[in-house]
Amino acid sequence: MKVVSIFGVTGSIGSQALDFIRNQKSIFSFHTFVCDKNFKLAKDFVDEFQPKYIYFSDKIASEEFRKFNASSTILLQSFTELKNVLLSKKSDIYLSAISSSNLLELTSLAASSGGKLLLANKESLVVMGEQILNLSKQSETEIIPIDSEHYSVMNLLRNKDLKDVKKVYLTASGGPFLNKSIQEVANKSLKEALKHPTWEMGKKITIDSATLINKCFEIIEAHYLFDIPLDKLDILIHPQSKIHALVEYMDGSIDANISDADMIYPISFGFLGTINYELGKNELLSSSEGLDLNLAPFPEDRKFLIDIVKDVITNKGNRGLVFSTINDFAVRKYLERKIGFGEIYQLLISNYSKIEKKELQTIEDIEINRREIINFLEET
């Protein structure tokens, strides 16, 4: 029986993972669930899956859960307790699906486990890609990306030599504001921004998709996950979300991974370690509507985001943390309706170059610098 811990269990990916595991319960047991605020859904999951421990990053949610918890699951009261239980018994499989750069230390612990890390947290590689990859190599932890793009790249590059590869393309749907200029989206409402055309996701990642910043994070991820040089990485806009990645070879040929927009494929592979052929519900080629596939370049008026990506990958240090933290701050303000949609971009444009760039050695360094960045943003 495989022991599983899930960080972000009540989020979109965590919930989909449990939906999948529900039919595989006999081969999994559950050690630790980590949640934020959704204590009601967490209670339902605890009642059904009976993890040994649960932790809430939100203290009010933790207290509410404590009032209603009648299970044998132990509620952890502090982050220190959480770290101690994770270190006391290592899980076979960790799913890191927290959609922000918070709780990076959990992903770091999982990367050091010697087990399997199913990585659905983009920010962990954006902020500390080298450290996570080094930890996984030293401990022989297997990292499997749990998103459609990187899962597709992993499959496309299997048994391939990067010297034969001219370019790896990740695709973006364009989100709800496809073909809209940066001026046209400046005053878009939260309701409009959360209306993603093809994917059901949490609010944070849905806004990141609307701004296209999510795809910029994915370029940084791909660089670290597959050791792909920056000049071999690019983004294409693909509204149908059927092509998830393409690999162009030196001879001009192109391989593409094409499937329905469904996270079940990487989730299944991550937990079972094999391709589950029973999932074969892909009916794209037999559809009476035909297979409509459109590709377009990344919009010119968002190219300043690519410049930031280049700086993060090329110069490293705390640049990924600066990028991620400004974006986290801006998205939070937008979700709270304190700024407009266009101000997410403006906060990045105005502040990325101003914040001091430096080397960070430890998780503590990262957390201190994160607070410094947030304080700087609050004061500007």
Protein backbone atom coordinates (compact mmCIF):
# COMPACT_ATOMS: atom_id res chain seq x y z
CA MET A 1 0.00 0.00 0.00
CA LYS A 2 1.37 3.42 -1.03
CA VAL A 3 1.36 6.18 1.58
CA VAL A 4 0.17 9.55 0.20
CA SER A 5 0.41 13.13 1.50
CA ILE A 6 -1.39 15.96 -0.30
CA PHE A 7 -0.53 19.65 0.03
CA GLY A 8 -3.50 21.69 -1.19
CA VAL A 9 -6.03 18.89 -0.84
CA THR A 10 -9.15 21.07 -1.13
CA GLY A 11 -7.94 22.90 -4.24
CA SER A 12 -8.75 22.00 -7.82
CA ILE A 13 -5.89 19.54 -8.39
CA GLY A 14 -6.09 18.05 -4.88
CA SER A 15 -9.82 17.43 -5.26
CA GLN A 16 -9.38 15.89 -8.72
CA ALA A 17 -6.64 13.65 -7.36
CA LEU A 18 -8.95 12.34 -4.64
CA ASP A 19 -11.70 11.82 -7.23
CA PHE A 20 -9.27 9.57 -9.09
CA ILE A 21 -7.97 7.82 -5.97
CA ARG A 22 -11.54 7.13 -4.84
CA ASN A 23 -11.61 4.23 -7.29
CA GLN A 24 -8.13 3.05 -6.22
CA LYS A 25 -8.54 3.22 -2.42
CA SER A 26 -7.29 -0.29 -1.77
CA ILE A 27 -3.75 0.58 -2.88
CA PHE A 28 -3.36 3.91 -1.05
CA SER A 29 -3.33 5.14 2.54
CA PHE A 30 -3.12 8.77 3.62
CA HIS A 31 -0.62 10.40 5.94
CA THR A 32 -1.06 14.20 5.83
CA PHE A 33 -3.54 16.58 4.23
CA VAL A 34 -2.64 20.27 4.06
CA CYS A 35 -5.39 22.83 3.46
CA ASP A 36 -5.99 26.56 3.55
CA LYS A 37 -9.51 27.76 4.41
CA ASN A 38 -12.07 25.25 3.15
CA PHE A 39 -12.67 23.33 6.38
CA LYS A 40 -16.06 21.98 5.21
CA LEU A 41 -14.64 20.21 2.16
CA ALA A 42 -11.61 19.18 4.22
CA LYS A 43 -13.94 17.54 6.75
CA ASP A 44 -15.68 15.60 3.97
CA PHE A 45 -12.30 14.39 2.68
CA VAL A 46 -11.13 13.45 6.18
CA ASP A 47 -14.32 11.48 6.83
CA GLU A 48 -13.89 9.58 3.57
CA PHE A 49 -10.11 9.09 3.28
CA GLN A 50 -9.06 9.09 6.96
CA PRO A 51 -5.60 10.71 6.79
CA LYS A 52 -3.50 10.43 9.92
CA TYR A 53 -2.93 14.20 10.11
CA ILE A 54 -4.42 17.41 8.79
CA TYR A 55 -3.11 20.98 8.85
CA PHE A 56 -4.74 24.31 7.96
CA SER A 57 -2.64 27.35 7.10
CA ASP A 58 -5.67 29.48 8.06
CA LYS A 59 -6.09 29.51 11.82
CA ILE A 60 -9.82 30.33 11.74
CA ALA A 61 -10.47 27.35 9.46
CA SER A 62 -8.36 25.19 11.76
CA GLU A 63 -10.49 26.14 14.74
CA GLU A 64 -13.74 25.54 12.83
CA PHE A 65 -12.51 22.12 11.75
CA ARG A 66 -11.59 21.27 15.34
CA LYS A 67 -15.16 22.00 16.49
CA PHE A 68 -16.72 19.56 14.04
CA ASN A 69 -14.05 16.89 13.66
CA ALA A 70 -15.22 13.55 15.02
CA SER A 71 -12.63 11.42 13.20
CA SER A 72 -9.37 9.95 14.46
CA THR A 73 -7.42 12.35 12.23
CA ILE A 74 -5.06 14.52 14.27
CA LEU A 75 -5.33 18.27 13.74
CA LEU A 76 -1.85 19.82 13.69
CA GLN A 77 -1.72 23.18 15.42
CA SER A 78 1.47 24.68 14.03
CA PHE A 79 3.73 24.58 11.00
CA THR A 80 6.49 23.18 13.18
CA GLU A 81 4.24 20.26 14.13
CA LEU A 82 3.48 19.73 10.46
CA LYS A 83 7.16 19.59 9.53
CA ASN A 84 7.89 17.20 12.38
CA VAL A 85 5.23 14.68 11.35
CA LEU A 86 6.32 14.85 7.71
CA LEU A 87 9.90 14.15 8.77
CA SER A 88 8.92 11.40 11.22
CA LYS A 89 7.37 9.20 8.54
CA LYS A 90 8.05 9.76 4.86
CA SER A 91 5.27 9.18 2.36
CA ASP A 92 5.74 7.23 -0.85
CA ILE A 93 3.92 9.90 -2.88
CA TYR A 94 3.55 13.64 -2.27
CA LEU A 95 1.20 15.82 -4.29
CA SER A 96 2.21 19.48 -4.02
CA ALA A 97 -0.78 21.43 -5.32
CA ILE A 98 -0.71 24.72 -3.42
CA SER A 99 -1.27 27.49 -5.96
CA SER A 100 1.11 30.13 -4.61
CA SER A 101 4.64 30.42 -3.30
CA ASN A 102 3.45 29.87 0.28
CA LEU A 103 4.60 26.77 2.15
CA LEU A 104 7.57 26.23 -0.17
CA GLU A 105 9.26 24.28 2.58
CA LEU A 106 6.72 21.47 2.14
CA THR A 107 7.71 20.99 -1.49
CA SER A 108 11.34 21.10 -0.42
CA LEU A 109 10.73 18.35 2.17
CA ALA A 110 8.96 16.24 -0.44
CA ALA A 111 11.83 16.76 -2.89
CA SER A 112 14.19 15.39 -0.22
CA SER A 113 12.06 12.34 0.55
CA GLY A 114 13.45 9.78 -1.88
CA GLY A 115 9.88 8.99 -2.90
CA LYS A 116 7.75 10.51 -5.63
CA LEU A 117 6.85 14.21 -5.88
CA LEU A 118 3.84 15.02 -8.03
CA LEU A 119 4.41 18.69 -8.69
CA ALA A 120 1.40 20.89 -9.41
CA ASN A 121 2.82 23.95 -7.65
CA LYS A 122 4.40 26.15 -10.30
CA GLU A 123 5.81 28.73 -7.94
CA SER A 124 8.10 26.26 -6.17
CA LEU A 125 10.24 25.90 -9.30
CA VAL A 126 9.91 29.58 -10.20
CA VAL A 127 11.27 30.58 -6.78
CA MET A 128 13.74 27.77 -6.06
CA GLY A 129 14.07 25.62 -9.15
CA GLU A 130 17.75 24.82 -8.74
CA GLN A 131 17.35 23.91 -5.07
CA ILE A 132 14.33 21.64 -5.68
CA LEU A 133 16.03 19.83 -8.56
CA ASN A 134 19.29 19.43 -6.60
CA LEU A 135 17.42 18.04 -3.60
CA SER A 136 15.53 15.56 -5.78
CA LYS A 137 18.73 14.37 -7.47
CA GLN A 138 20.58 13.93 -4.18
CA SER A 139 17.73 11.95 -2.63
CA GLU A 140 16.69 10.19 -5.87
CA THR A 141 13.18 11.62 -5.60
CA GLU A 142 11.19 11.20 -8.81
CA ILE A 143 9.45 14.43 -9.90
CA ILE A 144 6.39 14.11 -12.10
CA PRO A 145 4.72 17.31 -13.32
CA ILE A 146 0.97 17.35 -12.78
CA ASP A 147 -0.20 19.70 -15.46
CA SER A 148 -1.12 19.08 -19.05
CA GLU A 149 1.76 21.03 -20.62
CA HIS A 150 4.71 19.59 -18.73
CA TYR A 151 3.22 16.11 -18.65
CA SER A 152 3.01 16.39 -22.45
CA VAL A 153 6.59 17.64 -22.76
CA MET A 154 7.75 14.76 -20.55
CA ASN A 155 6.08 12.28 -22.89
CA LEU A 156 7.26 13.98 -26.07
CA LEU A 157 10.89 14.13 -24.93
CA ARG A 158 11.03 10.57 -23.60
CA ASN A 159 13.98 8.78 -25.29
CA LYS A 160 14.80 11.95 -27.25
CA ASP A 161 18.11 13.83 -27.32
CA LEU A 162 17.80 17.57 -26.72
CA LYS A 163 20.49 18.27 -29.32
CA ASP A 164 17.98 17.09 -31.92
CA VAL A 165 15.34 19.52 -30.63
CA LYS A 166 15.02 22.98 -32.18
CA LYS A 167 12.17 24.28 -30.03
CA VAL A 168 9.73 23.16 -27.32
CA TYR A 169 6.42 25.01 -27.37
CA LEU A 170 3.99 25.22 -24.47
CA THR A 171 0.46 26.23 -25.40
CA ALA A 172 -1.83 28.73 -23.69
CA SER A 173 -5.55 29.00 -24.30
CA GLY A 174 -5.39 32.78 -24.12
CA GLY A 175 -7.88 32.65 -21.26
CA PRO A 176 -11.12 34.65 -21.21
CA PHE A 177 -9.48 37.66 -22.88
CA LEU A 178 -8.22 35.96 -26.01
CA ASN A 179 -7.21 38.45 -28.75
CA LYS A 180 -7.81 41.42 -26.44
CA SER A 181 -5.08 44.06 -26.19
CA ILE A 182 -3.60 44.99 -22.84
CA GLN A 183 -5.55 48.25 -23.01
CA GLU A 184 -8.82 46.41 -23.68
CA VAL A 185 -8.44 44.18 -20.61
CA ALA A 186 -7.38 46.93 -18.20
CA ASN A 187 -10.82 47.29 -16.58
CA LYS A 188 -12.14 43.74 -16.92
CA SER A 189 -14.21 42.61 -13.93
CA LEU A 190 -13.35 39.76 -11.60
CA LYS A 191 -16.37 37.84 -12.86
CA GLU A 192 -15.08 38.13 -16.44
CA ALA A 193 -11.51 37.19 -15.49
CA LEU A 194 -12.64 34.06 -13.64
CA LYS A 195 -14.62 32.78 -16.65
CA HIS A 196 -11.97 30.51 -18.15
CA PRO A 197 -13.14 29.02 -21.47
CA THR A 198 -11.67 25.51 -21.17
CA TRP A 199 -10.34 24.69 -17.68
CA GLU A 200 -11.94 24.48 -14.22
CA MET A 201 -9.30 25.80 -11.81
CA GLY A 202 -8.89 27.70 -8.55
CA LYS A 203 -9.24 31.49 -8.53
CA LYS A 204 -5.52 32.30 -8.26
CA ILE A 205 -4.41 30.14 -11.18
CA THR A 206 -7.44 31.25 -13.25
CA ILE A 207 -6.39 34.89 -12.90
CA ASP A 208 -2.79 33.88 -13.75
CA SER A 209 -4.17 32.27 -16.90
CA ALA A 210 -6.12 35.41 -17.79
CA THR A 211 -2.96 37.54 -17.49
CA LEU A 212 -0.83 34.83 -19.25
CA ILE A 213 1.57 34.96 -16.30
CA ASN A 214 0.76 31.33 -15.59
CA LYS A 215 2.34 30.36 -18.93
CA CYS A 216 5.42 32.43 -18.11
CA PHE A 217 5.79 30.46 -14.88
CA GLU A 218 5.49 27.27 -16.93
CA ILE A 219 8.40 28.28 -19.17
CA ILE A 220 10.58 28.62 -16.06
CA GLU A 221 9.28 25.25 -14.83
CA ALA A 222 10.10 23.56 -18.14
CA HIS A 223 13.62 24.97 -18.06
CA TYR A 224 14.28 23.31 -14.71
CA LEU A 225 12.27 20.12 -15.12
CA PHE A 226 13.77 19.11 -18.45
CA ASP A 227 17.02 21.11 -18.50
CA ILE A 228 15.86 22.89 -21.65
CA PRO A 229 17.86 26.00 -22.60
CA LEU A 230 15.89 29.23 -22.69
CA ASP A 231 16.43 29.68 -26.43
CA LYS A 232 14.65 26.36 -27.05
CA LEU A 233 11.48 27.37 -25.18
CA ASP A 234 8.50 29.30 -26.52
CA ILE A 235 4.76 29.86 -26.05
CA LEU A 236 1.95 29.54 -28.59
CA ILE A 237 -1.65 30.63 -28.11
CA HIS A 238 -4.04 27.74 -28.77
CA PRO A 239 -7.67 28.57 -27.85
CA GLN A 240 -9.02 25.01 -28.12
CA SER A 241 -6.70 23.61 -25.40
CA LYS A 242 -6.34 20.37 -27.34
CA ILE A 243 -2.63 20.65 -28.16
CA HIS A 244 -0.77 20.82 -24.85
CA ALA A 245 2.81 20.94 -26.10
CA LEU A 246 4.79 20.66 -29.34
CA VAL A 247 8.38 19.68 -30.02
CA GLU A 248 10.01 20.94 -33.22
CA TYR A 249 13.10 19.04 -34.37
CA MET A 250 16.14 20.21 -36.27
CA ASP A 251 14.89 18.42 -39.39
CA GLY A 252 11.72 20.54 -39.40
CA SER A 253 9.33 17.82 -38.20
CA ILE A 254 7.01 18.46 -35.25
CA ASP A 255 5.55 16.14 -32.61
CA ALA A 256 2.48 17.27 -30.68
CA ASN A 257 0.59 15.94 -27.69
CA ILE A 258 -3.13 16.28 -28.41
CA SER A 259 -5.94 15.29 -26.05
CA ASP A 260 -9.06 16.57 -24.36
CA ALA A 261 -8.55 19.21 -21.68
CA ASP A 262 -8.58 16.80 -18.74
CA MET A 263 -6.18 16.60 -15.79
CA ILE A 264 -6.95 12.91 -15.32
CA TYR A 265 -4.07 11.91 -17.62
CA PRO A 266 -1.17 13.35 -15.58
CA ILE A 267 -2.91 12.56 -12.27
CA SER A 268 -3.36 8.92 -13.25
CA PHE A 269 0.23 8.57 -14.42
CA GLY A 270 1.53 10.32 -11.31
CA PHE A 271 -0.24 8.04 -8.85
CA LEU A 272 -0.05 4.76 -10.74
CA GLY A 273 3.32 5.22 -12.46
CA THR A 274 1.97 3.81 -15.71
CA ILE A 275 -0.33 4.98 -18.48
CA ASN A 276 -3.90 3.94 -17.64
CA TYR A 277 -5.31 2.75 -20.95
CA GLU A 278 -8.80 2.50 -19.45
CA LEU A 279 -8.93 6.30 -19.59
CA GLY A 280 -9.09 6.15 -23.40
CA LYS A 281 -12.15 8.38 -23.81
CA ASN A 282 -10.41 10.76 -26.20
CA GLU A 283 -12.85 11.17 -29.11
CA LEU A 284 -11.26 14.13 -30.84
CA LEU A 285 -10.76 12.39 -34.18
CA SER A 286 -14.23 10.83 -34.26
CA SER A 287 -16.08 14.05 -33.48
CA SER A 288 -18.57 15.14 -36.12
CA GLU A 289 -17.30 18.70 -35.67
CA GLY A 290 -13.80 17.73 -36.78
CA LEU A 291 -10.56 18.72 -35.13
CA ASP A 292 -10.22 22.51 -35.09
CA LEU A 293 -6.68 23.52 -34.14
CA ASN A 294 -5.48 27.12 -34.20
CA LEU A 295 -2.05 28.38 -33.16
CA ALA A 296 -0.86 31.97 -32.77
CA PRO A 297 2.21 33.67 -31.30
CA PHE A 298 2.38 35.11 -27.79
CA PRO A 299 0.85 38.63 -27.89
CA GLU A 300 3.39 41.38 -28.56
CA ASP A 301 2.00 43.71 -25.89
CA ARG A 302 2.70 41.09 -23.17
CA LYS A 303 6.31 40.50 -24.28
CA PHE A 304 7.55 42.40 -21.20
CA LEU A 305 6.52 39.27 -19.27
CA ILE A 306 8.87 37.18 -21.41
CA ASP A 307 11.64 39.67 -20.64
CA ILE A 308 11.08 38.99 -16.94
CA VAL A 309 11.17 35.24 -17.59
CA LYS A 310 14.50 35.63 -19.41
CA ASP A 311 15.93 37.58 -16.48
CA VAL A 312 14.72 34.97 -13.96
CA ILE A 313 16.27 32.08 -15.89
CA THR A 314 19.48 33.83 -16.91
CA ASN A 315 20.41 35.69 -13.73
CA LYS A 316 18.66 33.57 -11.08
CA GLY A 317 19.14 34.67 -7.45
CA ASN A 318 15.89 35.94 -5.94
CA ARG A 319 14.44 37.01 -9.31
CA GLY A 320 11.89 34.18 -9.41
CA LEU A 321 10.79 35.12 -5.89
CA VAL A 322 10.44 38.77 -6.91
CA PHE A 323 8.35 37.79 -9.97
CA SER A 324 6.17 35.36 -8.03
CA THR A 325 5.67 37.59 -4.98
CA ILE A 326 4.69 40.69 -6.97
CA ASN A 327 2.22 38.54 -8.91
CA ASP A 328 0.83 36.91 -5.73
CA PHE A 329 0.41 40.36 -4.17
CA ALA A 330 -1.26 41.80 -7.27
CA VAL A 331 -3.64 38.85 -7.78
CA ARG A 332 -4.64 38.93 -4.11
CA LYS A 333 -5.42 42.65 -4.38
CA TYR A 334 -7.43 42.03 -7.55
CA LEU A 335 -9.39 39.16 -5.97
CA GLU A 336 -10.16 41.51 -3.08
CA ARG A 337 -11.36 44.07 -5.69
CA LYS A 338 -8.79 46.61 -4.47
CA ILE A 339 -7.13 47.06 -7.87
CA GLY A 340 -8.15 46.69 -11.51
CA PHE A 341 -7.09 43.89 -13.82
CA GLY A 342 -4.62 46.07 -15.71
CA GLU A 343 -2.93 47.03 -12.43
CA ILE A 344 -1.64 43.46 -12.09
CA TYR A 345 0.58 44.19 -15.08
CA GLN A 346 1.41 47.69 -13.81
CA LEU A 347 2.59 46.38 -10.45
CA LEU A 348 5.00 44.07 -12.26
CA ILE A 349 6.19 46.72 -14.72
CA SER A 350 6.68 49.34 -12.00
CA ASN A 351 8.29 47.20 -9.32
CA TYR A 352 10.18 44.23 -10.78
CA SER A 353 13.27 46.26 -11.68
CA LYS A 354 13.16 48.34 -8.49
CA ILE A 355 13.39 45.47 -6.00
CA GLU A 356 16.90 44.48 -4.95
CA LYS A 357 18.22 41.35 -6.64
CA LYS A 358 20.37 39.07 -4.47
CA GLU A 359 21.31 35.47 -3.74
CA LEU A 360 19.21 33.44 -1.30
CA GLN A 361 20.62 30.34 0.39
CA THR A 362 17.91 28.95 2.65
CA ILE A 363 14.13 28.71 3.05
CA GLU A 364 14.47 31.22 5.88
CA ASP A 365 16.25 33.63 3.49
CA ILE A 366 13.38 33.22 1.05
CA GLU A 367 10.71 33.90 3.66
CA ILE A 368 12.56 36.98 4.97
CA ASN A 369 12.98 38.33 1.44
CA ARG A 370 9.33 37.61 0.62
CA ARG A 371 8.24 39.73 3.59
CA GLU A 372 10.64 42.48 2.49
CA ILE A 373 9.13 42.46 -1.01
CA ILE A 374 5.56 42.54 0.33
CA ASN A 375 6.44 45.42 2.69
CA PHE A 376 7.96 47.30 -0.25
CA LEU A 377 4.80 46.76 -2.32
CA GLU A 378 2.51 47.80 0.54
CA GLU A 379 4.43 51.05 0.94
CA THR A 380 4.45 52.03 -2.74
